[in-house]
């Protein structure tokens, strides 16, 4: 499995290094996944054996699968 630090680094790059924004996006997406929403990356989840909503959300963010807007 890829090291979580590597995935975190990629996700942060996608957000121009904004730790606060990363925390908010991962938390909100984790909540959605915990409430039954389907993952956007089922093949990666199955391949890597991911089960924690926060890990799945982080992978989705690193893969640029999540839409967000700053208001």
PDB file of N, CA and C in Angstrom:
ATOM      1  N   UNK A   1       0.842  -1.168   0.000  1.00  0.00           N
ATOM      2  CA  UNK A   1       0.000   0.000   0.000  1.00  0.00           C
ATOM      3  C   UNK A   1       0.895   1.241   0.000  1.00  0.00           C
ATOM      4  N   UNK A   2       0.447   2.249  -0.743  1.00  0.00           N
ATOM      5  CA  UNK A   2       1.168   3.510  -0.750  1.00  0.00           C
ATOM      6  C   UNK A   2       1.184   4.076   0.660  1.00  0.00           C
ATOM      7  N   UNK A   3       2.282   4.701   0.991  1.00  0.00           N
ATOM      8  CA  UNK A   3       2.359   5.334   2.304  1.00  0.00           C
ATOM      9  C   UNK A   3       1.382   6.496   2.359  1.00  0.00           C
ATOM     10  N   UNK A   4       0.714   6.609   3.455  1.00  0.00           N
ATOM     11  CA  UNK A   4      -0.277   7.655   3.626  1.00  0.00           C
ATOM     12  C   UNK A   4       0.349   9.043   3.493  1.00  0.00           C
ATOM     13  N   UNK A   5       1.615   9.165   3.898  1.00  0.00           N
ATOM     14  CA  UNK A   5       2.305  10.451   3.789  1.00  0.00           C
ATOM     15  C   UNK A   5       2.428  10.891   2.333  1.00  0.00           C
ATOM     16  N   UNK A   6       2.645   9.940   1.442  1.00  0.00           N
ATOM     17  CA  UNK A   6       2.755  10.248   0.014  1.00  0.00           C
ATOM     18  C   UNK A   6       1.405  10.736  -0.535  1.00  0.00           C
ATOM     19  N   UNK A   7       0.334  10.055  -0.149  1.00  0.00           N
ATOM     20  CA  UNK A   7      -1.004  10.446  -0.594  1.00  0.00           C
ATOM     21  C   UNK A   7      -1.366  11.816  -0.012  1.00  0.00           C
ATOM     22  N   UNK A   8      -1.020  12.038   1.246  1.00  0.00           N
ATOM     23  CA  UNK A   8      -1.267  13.328   1.885  1.00  0.00           C
ATOM     24  C   UNK A   8      -0.529  14.440   1.150  1.00  0.00           C
ATOM     25  N   UNK A   9       0.696  14.179   0.772  1.00  0.00           N
ATOM     26  CA  UNK A   9       1.494  15.166   0.038  1.00  0.00           C
ATOM     27  C   UNK A   9       0.852  15.519  -1.301  1.00  0.00           C
ATOM     28  N   UNK A  10       0.359  14.524  -2.011  1.00  0.00           N
ATOM     29  CA  UNK A  10      -0.306  14.756  -3.298  1.00  0.00           C
ATOM     30  C   UNK A  10      -1.579  15.567  -3.090  1.00  0.00           C
ATOM     31  N   UNK A  11      -2.367  15.200  -2.075  1.00  0.00           N
ATOM     32  CA  UNK A  11      -3.606  15.926  -1.788  1.00  0.00           C
ATOM     33  C   UNK A  11      -3.312  17.384  -1.432  1.00  0.00           C
ATOM     34  N   UNK A  12      -2.271  17.610  -0.650  1.00  0.00           N
ATOM     35  CA  UNK A  12      -1.897  18.981  -0.291  1.00  0.00           C
ATOM     36  C   UNK A  12      -1.447  19.783  -1.510  1.00  0.00           C
ATOM     37  N   UNK A  13      -0.734  19.140  -2.411  1.00  0.00           N
ATOM     38  CA  UNK A  13      -0.330  19.807  -3.654  1.00  0.00           C
ATOM     39  C   UNK A  13      -1.559  20.268  -4.425  1.00  0.00           C
ATOM     40  N   UNK A  14      -2.577  19.418  -4.466  1.00  0.00           N
ATOM     41  CA  UNK A  14      -3.813  19.758  -5.187  1.00  0.00           C
ATOM     42  C   UNK A  14      -4.531  20.950  -4.564  1.00  0.00           C
ATOM     43  N   UNK A  15      -4.249  21.224  -3.297  1.00  0.00           N
ATOM     44  CA  UNK A  15      -4.888  22.329  -2.583  1.00  0.00           C
ATOM     45  C   UNK A  15      -3.909  23.474  -2.323  1.00  0.00           C
ATOM     46  N   UNK A  16      -2.829  23.510  -3.045  1.00  0.00           N
ATOM     47  CA  UNK A  16      -1.796  24.543  -2.887  1.00  0.00           C
ATOM     48  C   UNK A  16      -1.277  24.631  -1.458  1.00  0.00           C
ATOM     49  N   UNK A  17      -1.178  23.488  -0.802  1.00  0.00           N
ATOM     50  CA  UNK A  17      -0.586  23.422   0.528  1.00  0.00           C
ATOM     51  C   UNK A  17      -1.466  23.915   1.665  1.00  0.00           C
ATOM     52  N   UNK A  18      -2.750  24.069   1.430  1.00  0.00           N
ATOM     53  CA  UNK A  18      -3.665  24.597   2.448  1.00  0.00           C
ATOM     54  C   UNK A  18      -4.126  23.472   3.381  1.00  0.00           C
ATOM     55  N   UNK A  19      -3.467  23.347   4.535  1.00  0.00           N
ATOM     56  CA  UNK A  19      -3.800  22.298   5.504  1.00  0.00           C
ATOM     57  C   UNK A  19      -5.217  22.429   6.035  1.00  0.00           C
ATOM     58  N   UNK A  20      -5.652  23.654   6.270  1.00  0.00           N
ATOM     59  CA  UNK A  20      -6.987  23.899   6.810  1.00  0.00           C
ATOM     60  C   UNK A  20      -8.054  23.410   5.833  1.00  0.00           C
ATOM     61  N   UNK A  21      -7.900  23.749   4.569  1.00  0.00           N
ATOM     62  CA  UNK A  21      -8.851  23.321   3.554  1.00  0.00           C
ATOM     63  C   UNK A  21      -8.853  21.801   3.422  1.00  0.00           C
ATOM     64  N   UNK A  22      -7.687  21.191   3.477  1.00  0.00           N
ATOM     65  CA  UNK A  22      -7.595  19.736   3.401  1.00  0.00           C
ATOM     66  C   UNK A  22      -8.372  19.095   4.548  1.00  0.00           C
ATOM     67  N   UNK A  23      -8.196  19.617   5.752  1.00  0.00           N
ATOM     68  CA  UNK A  23      -8.890  19.052   6.920  1.00  0.00           C
ATOM     69  C   UNK A  23     -10.402  19.158   6.766  1.00  0.00           C
ATOM     70  N   UNK A  24     -10.876  20.301   6.286  1.00  0.00           N
ATOM     71  CA  UNK A  24     -12.324  20.501   6.125  1.00  0.00           C
ATOM     72  C   UNK A  24     -12.885  19.561   5.059  1.00  0.00           C
ATOM     73  N   UNK A  25     -12.212  19.478   3.910  1.00  0.00           N
ATOM     74  CA  UNK A  25     -12.701  18.630   2.815  1.00  0.00           C
ATOM     75  C   UNK A  25     -12.714  17.162   3.230  1.00  0.00           C
ATOM     76  N   UNK A  26     -11.634  16.703   3.842  1.00  0.00           N
ATOM     77  CA  UNK A  26     -11.560  15.293   4.256  1.00  0.00           C
ATOM     78  C   UNK A  26     -12.606  14.995   5.330  1.00  0.00           C
ATOM     79  N   UNK A  27     -12.800  15.913   6.259  1.00  0.00           N
ATOM     80  CA  UNK A  27     -13.796  15.690   7.311  1.00  0.00           C
ATOM     81  C   UNK A  27     -15.208  15.612   6.735  1.00  0.00           C
ATOM     82  N   UNK A  28     -15.542  16.535   5.843  1.00  0.00           N
ATOM     83  CA  UNK A  28     -16.890  16.530   5.257  1.00  0.00           C
ATOM     84  C   UNK A  28     -17.121  15.291   4.393  1.00  0.00           C
ATOM     85  N   UNK A  29     -16.113  14.926   3.606  1.00  0.00           N
ATOM     86  CA  UNK A  29     -16.257  13.742   2.755  1.00  0.00           C
ATOM     87  C   UNK A  29     -16.312  12.467   3.600  1.00  0.00           C
ATOM     88  N   UNK A  30     -15.531  12.424   4.662  1.00  0.00           N
ATOM     89  CA  UNK A  30     -15.563  11.271   5.570  1.00  0.00           C
ATOM     90  C   UNK A  30     -16.949  11.090   6.165  1.00  0.00           C
ATOM     91  N   UNK A  31     -17.561  12.198   6.540  1.00  0.00           N
ATOM     92  CA  UNK A  31     -18.922  12.137   7.087  1.00  0.00           C
ATOM     93  C   UNK A  31     -19.899  11.592   6.051  1.00  0.00           C
ATOM     94  N   UNK A  32     -19.770  12.054   4.807  1.00  0.00           N
ATOM     95  CA  UNK A  32     -20.646  11.552   3.741  1.00  0.00           C
ATOM     96  C   UNK A  32     -20.471  10.045   3.564  1.00  0.00           C
ATOM     97  N   UNK A  33     -19.220   9.591   3.547  1.00  0.00           N
ATOM     98  CA  UNK A  33     -18.952   8.163   3.377  1.00  0.00           C
ATOM     99  C   UNK A  33     -19.487   7.361   4.563  1.00  0.00           C
ATOM    100  N   UNK A  34     -19.337   7.899   5.762  1.00  0.00           N
ATOM    101  CA  UNK A  34     -19.846   7.221   6.965  1.00  0.00           C
ATOM    102  C   UNK A  34     -21.368   7.106   6.949  1.00  0.00           C
ATOM    103  N   UNK A  35     -22.004   8.063   6.288  1.00  0.00           N
ATOM    104  CA  UNK A  35     -23.465   8.057   6.199  1.00  0.00           C
ATOM    105  C   UNK A  35     -23.983   7.256   5.007  1.00  0.00           C
ATOM    106  N   UNK A  36     -23.102   6.503   4.356  1.00  0.00           N
ATOM    107  CA  UNK A  36     -23.545   5.573   3.326  1.00  0.00           C
ATOM    108  C   UNK A  36     -23.305   5.977   1.885  1.00  0.00           C
ATOM    109  N   UNK A  37     -22.746   7.149   1.645  1.00  0.00           N
ATOM    110  CA  UNK A  37     -22.475   7.548   0.262  1.00  0.00           C
ATOM    111  C   UNK A  37     -21.382   6.649  -0.324  1.00  0.00           C
ATOM    112  N   UNK A  38     -21.524   6.332  -1.590  1.00  0.00           N
ATOM    113  CA  UNK A  38     -20.563   5.453  -2.263  1.00  0.00           C
ATOM    114  C   UNK A  38     -19.261   6.187  -2.564  1.00  0.00           C
ATOM    115  N   UNK A  39     -18.171   5.439  -2.542  1.00  0.00           N
ATOM    116  CA  UNK A  39     -16.872   6.010  -2.882  1.00  0.00           C
ATOM    117  C   UNK A  39     -16.783   6.308  -4.377  1.00  0.00           C
ATOM    118  N   UNK A  40     -15.963   7.260  -4.722  1.00  0.00           N
ATOM    119  CA  UNK A  40     -15.742   7.617  -6.126  1.00  0.00           C
ATOM    120  C   UNK A  40     -14.600   6.807  -6.737  1.00  0.00           C
ATOM    121  N   UNK A  41     -13.914   6.038  -5.910  1.00  0.00           N
ATOM    122  CA  UNK A  41     -12.757   5.257  -6.370  1.00  0.00           C
ATOM    123  C   UNK A  41     -12.855   3.800  -5.896  1.00  0.00           C
ATOM    124  N   UNK A  42     -13.922   3.100  -6.277  1.00  0.00           N
ATOM    125  CA  UNK A  42     -14.115   1.738  -5.747  1.00  0.00           C
ATOM    126  C   UNK A  42     -12.981   0.776  -6.080  1.00  0.00           C
ATOM    127  N   UNK A  43     -12.355   0.945  -7.240  1.00  0.00           N
ATOM    128  CA  UNK A  43     -11.267   0.032  -7.609  1.00  0.00           C
ATOM    129  C   UNK A  43     -10.047   0.224  -6.714  1.00  0.00           C
ATOM    130  N   UNK A  44      -9.746   1.452  -6.334  1.00  0.00           N
ATOM    131  CA  UNK A  44      -8.605   1.706  -5.452  1.00  0.00           C
ATOM    132  C   UNK A  44      -8.918   1.219  -4.041  1.00  0.00           C
ATOM    133  N   UNK A  45     -10.143   1.448  -3.586  1.00  0.00           N
ATOM    134  CA  UNK A  45     -10.558   1.003  -2.255  1.00  0.00           C
ATOM    135  C   UNK A  45     -10.412  -0.512  -2.151  1.00  0.00           C
ATOM    136  N   UNK A  46     -10.876  -1.212  -3.171  1.00  0.00           N
ATOM    137  CA  UNK A  46     -10.797  -2.680  -3.166  1.00  0.00           C
ATOM    138  C   UNK A  46      -9.345  -3.147  -3.258  1.00  0.00           C
ATOM    139  N   UNK A  47      -8.579  -2.544  -4.165  1.00  0.00           N
ATOM    140  CA  UNK A  47      -7.188  -2.939  -4.386  1.00  0.00           C
ATOM    141  C   UNK A  47      -6.331  -2.706  -3.142  1.00  0.00           C
ATOM    142  N   UNK A  48      -6.524  -1.576  -2.484  1.00  0.00           N
ATOM    143  CA  UNK A  48      -5.679  -1.210  -1.347  1.00  0.00           C
ATOM    144  C   UNK A  48      -6.262  -1.650  -0.016  1.00  0.00           C
ATOM    145  N   UNK A  49      -7.483  -2.138  -0.020  1.00  0.00           N
ATOM    146  CA  UNK A  49      -8.109  -2.603   1.207  1.00  0.00           C
ATOM    147  C   UNK A  49      -8.448  -1.473   2.173  1.00  0.00           C
ATOM    148  N   UNK A  50      -8.823  -0.332   1.635  1.00  0.00           N
ATOM    149  CA  UNK A  50      -9.150   0.815   2.479  1.00  0.00           C
ATOM    150  C   UNK A  50     -10.510   0.623   3.124  1.00  0.00           C
ATOM    151  N   UNK A  51     -10.604   0.916   4.404  1.00  0.00           N
ATOM    152  CA  UNK A  51     -11.886   0.810   5.098  1.00  0.00           C
ATOM    153  C   UNK A  51     -12.241   2.072   5.879  1.00  0.00           C
ATOM    154  N   UNK A  52     -11.266   2.858   6.258  1.00  0.00           N
ATOM    155  CA  UNK A  52     -11.532   4.064   7.041  1.00  0.00           C
ATOM    156  C   UNK A  52     -12.007   5.187   6.122  1.00  0.00           C
ATOM    157  N   UNK A  53     -13.123   5.808   6.468  1.00  0.00           N
ATOM    158  CA  UNK A  53     -13.648   6.888   5.627  1.00  0.00           C
ATOM    159  C   UNK A  53     -12.639   8.015   5.386  1.00  0.00           C
ATOM    160  N   UNK A  54     -11.846   8.372   6.381  1.00  0.00           N
ATOM    161  CA  UNK A  54     -10.862   9.450   6.202  1.00  0.00           C
ATOM    162  C   UNK A  54      -9.791   9.064   5.185  1.00  0.00           C
ATOM    163  N   UNK A  55      -9.367   7.811   5.205  1.00  0.00           N
ATOM    164  CA  UNK A  55      -8.370   7.351   4.223  1.00  0.00           C
ATOM    165  C   UNK A  55      -8.956   7.374   2.814  1.00  0.00           C
ATOM    166  N   UNK A  56     -10.198   6.924   2.688  1.00  0.00           N
ATOM    167  CA  UNK A  56     -10.858   6.923   1.381  1.00  0.00           C
ATOM    168  C   UNK A  56     -11.004   8.355   0.875  1.00  0.00           C
ATOM    169  N   UNK A  57     -11.441   9.265   1.752  1.00  0.00           N
ATOM    170  CA  UNK A  57     -11.610  10.670   1.375  1.00  0.00           C
ATOM    171  C   UNK A  57     -10.282  11.277   0.939  1.00  0.00           C
ATOM    172  N   UNK A  58      -9.207  10.951   1.636  1.00  0.00           N
ATOM    173  CA  UNK A  58      -7.886  11.474   1.282  1.00  0.00           C
ATOM    174  C   UNK A  58      -7.446  10.964  -0.088  1.00  0.00           C
ATOM    175  N   UNK A  59      -7.669   9.694  -0.358  1.00  0.00           N
ATOM    176  CA  UNK A  59      -7.349   9.138  -1.679  1.00  0.00           C
ATOM    177  C   UNK A  59      -8.189   9.803  -2.764  1.00  0.00           C
ATOM    178  N   UNK A  60      -9.474  10.008  -2.494  1.00  0.00           N
ATOM    179  CA  UNK A  60     -10.331  10.669  -3.474  1.00  0.00           C
ATOM    180  C   UNK A  60      -9.823  12.074  -3.772  1.00  0.00           C
ATOM    181  N   UNK A  61      -9.391  12.785  -2.749  1.00  0.00           N
ATOM    182  CA  UNK A  61      -8.860  14.135  -2.928  1.00  0.00           C
ATOM    183  C   UNK A  61      -7.553  14.102  -3.712  1.00  0.00           C
ATOM    184  N   UNK A  62      -6.688  13.160  -3.395  1.00  0.00           N
ATOM    185  CA  UNK A  62      -5.411  13.033  -4.101  1.00  0.00           C
ATOM    186  C   UNK A  62      -5.627  12.701  -5.580  1.00  0.00           C
ATOM    187  N   UNK A  63      -6.709  11.997  -5.878  1.00  0.00           N
ATOM    188  CA  UNK A  63      -7.036  11.630  -7.272  1.00  0.00           C
ATOM    189  C   UNK A  63      -7.857  12.702  -7.981  1.00  0.00           C
ATOM    190  N   UNK A  64      -8.034  13.855  -7.328  1.00  0.00           N
ATOM    191  CA  UNK A  64      -8.818  14.974  -7.901  1.00  0.00           C
ATOM    192  C   UNK A  64     -10.258  14.569  -8.236  1.00  0.00           C
ATOM    193  N   UNK A  65     -10.848  13.740  -7.389  1.00  0.00           N
ATOM    194  CA  UNK A  65     -12.206  13.278  -7.631  1.00  0.00           C
ATOM    195  C   UNK A  65     -13.250  14.110  -6.901  1.00  0.00           C
ATOM    196  N   UNK A  66     -12.822  14.992  -6.007  1.00  0.00           N
ATOM    197  CA  UNK A  66     -13.763  15.756  -5.192  1.00  0.00           C
ATOM    198  C   UNK A  66     -13.882  17.186  -5.710  1.00  0.00           C
ATOM    199  N   UNK A  67     -15.123  17.648  -5.798  1.00  0.00           N
ATOM    200  CA  UNK A  67     -15.388  19.042  -6.159  1.00  0.00           C
ATOM    201  C   UNK A  67     -15.633  19.822  -4.878  1.00  0.00           C
ATOM    202  N   UNK A  68     -15.112  20.995  -4.815  1.00  0.00           N
ATOM    203  CA  UNK A  68     -15.319  21.862  -3.659  1.00  0.00           C
ATOM    204  C   UNK A  68     -15.269  23.304  -4.141  1.00  0.00           C
ATOM    205  N   UNK A  69     -15.895  24.164  -3.371  1.00  0.00           N
ATOM    206  CA  UNK A  69     -15.775  25.578  -3.684  1.00  0.00           C
ATOM    207  C   UNK A  69     -15.578  26.341  -2.386  1.00  0.00           C
ATOM    208  N   UNK A  70     -14.813  27.378  -2.480  1.00  0.00           N
ATOM    209  CA  UNK A  70     -14.497  28.201  -1.327  1.00  0.00           C
ATOM    210  C   UNK A  70     -15.406  29.421  -1.373  1.00  0.00           C
ATOM    211  N   UNK A  71     -16.121  29.638  -0.286  1.00  0.00           N
ATOM    212  CA  UNK A  71     -17.015  30.793  -0.279  1.00  0.00           C
ATOM    213  C   UNK A  71     -16.637  31.768   0.823  1.00  0.00           C
TER     214      UNK A  71
END
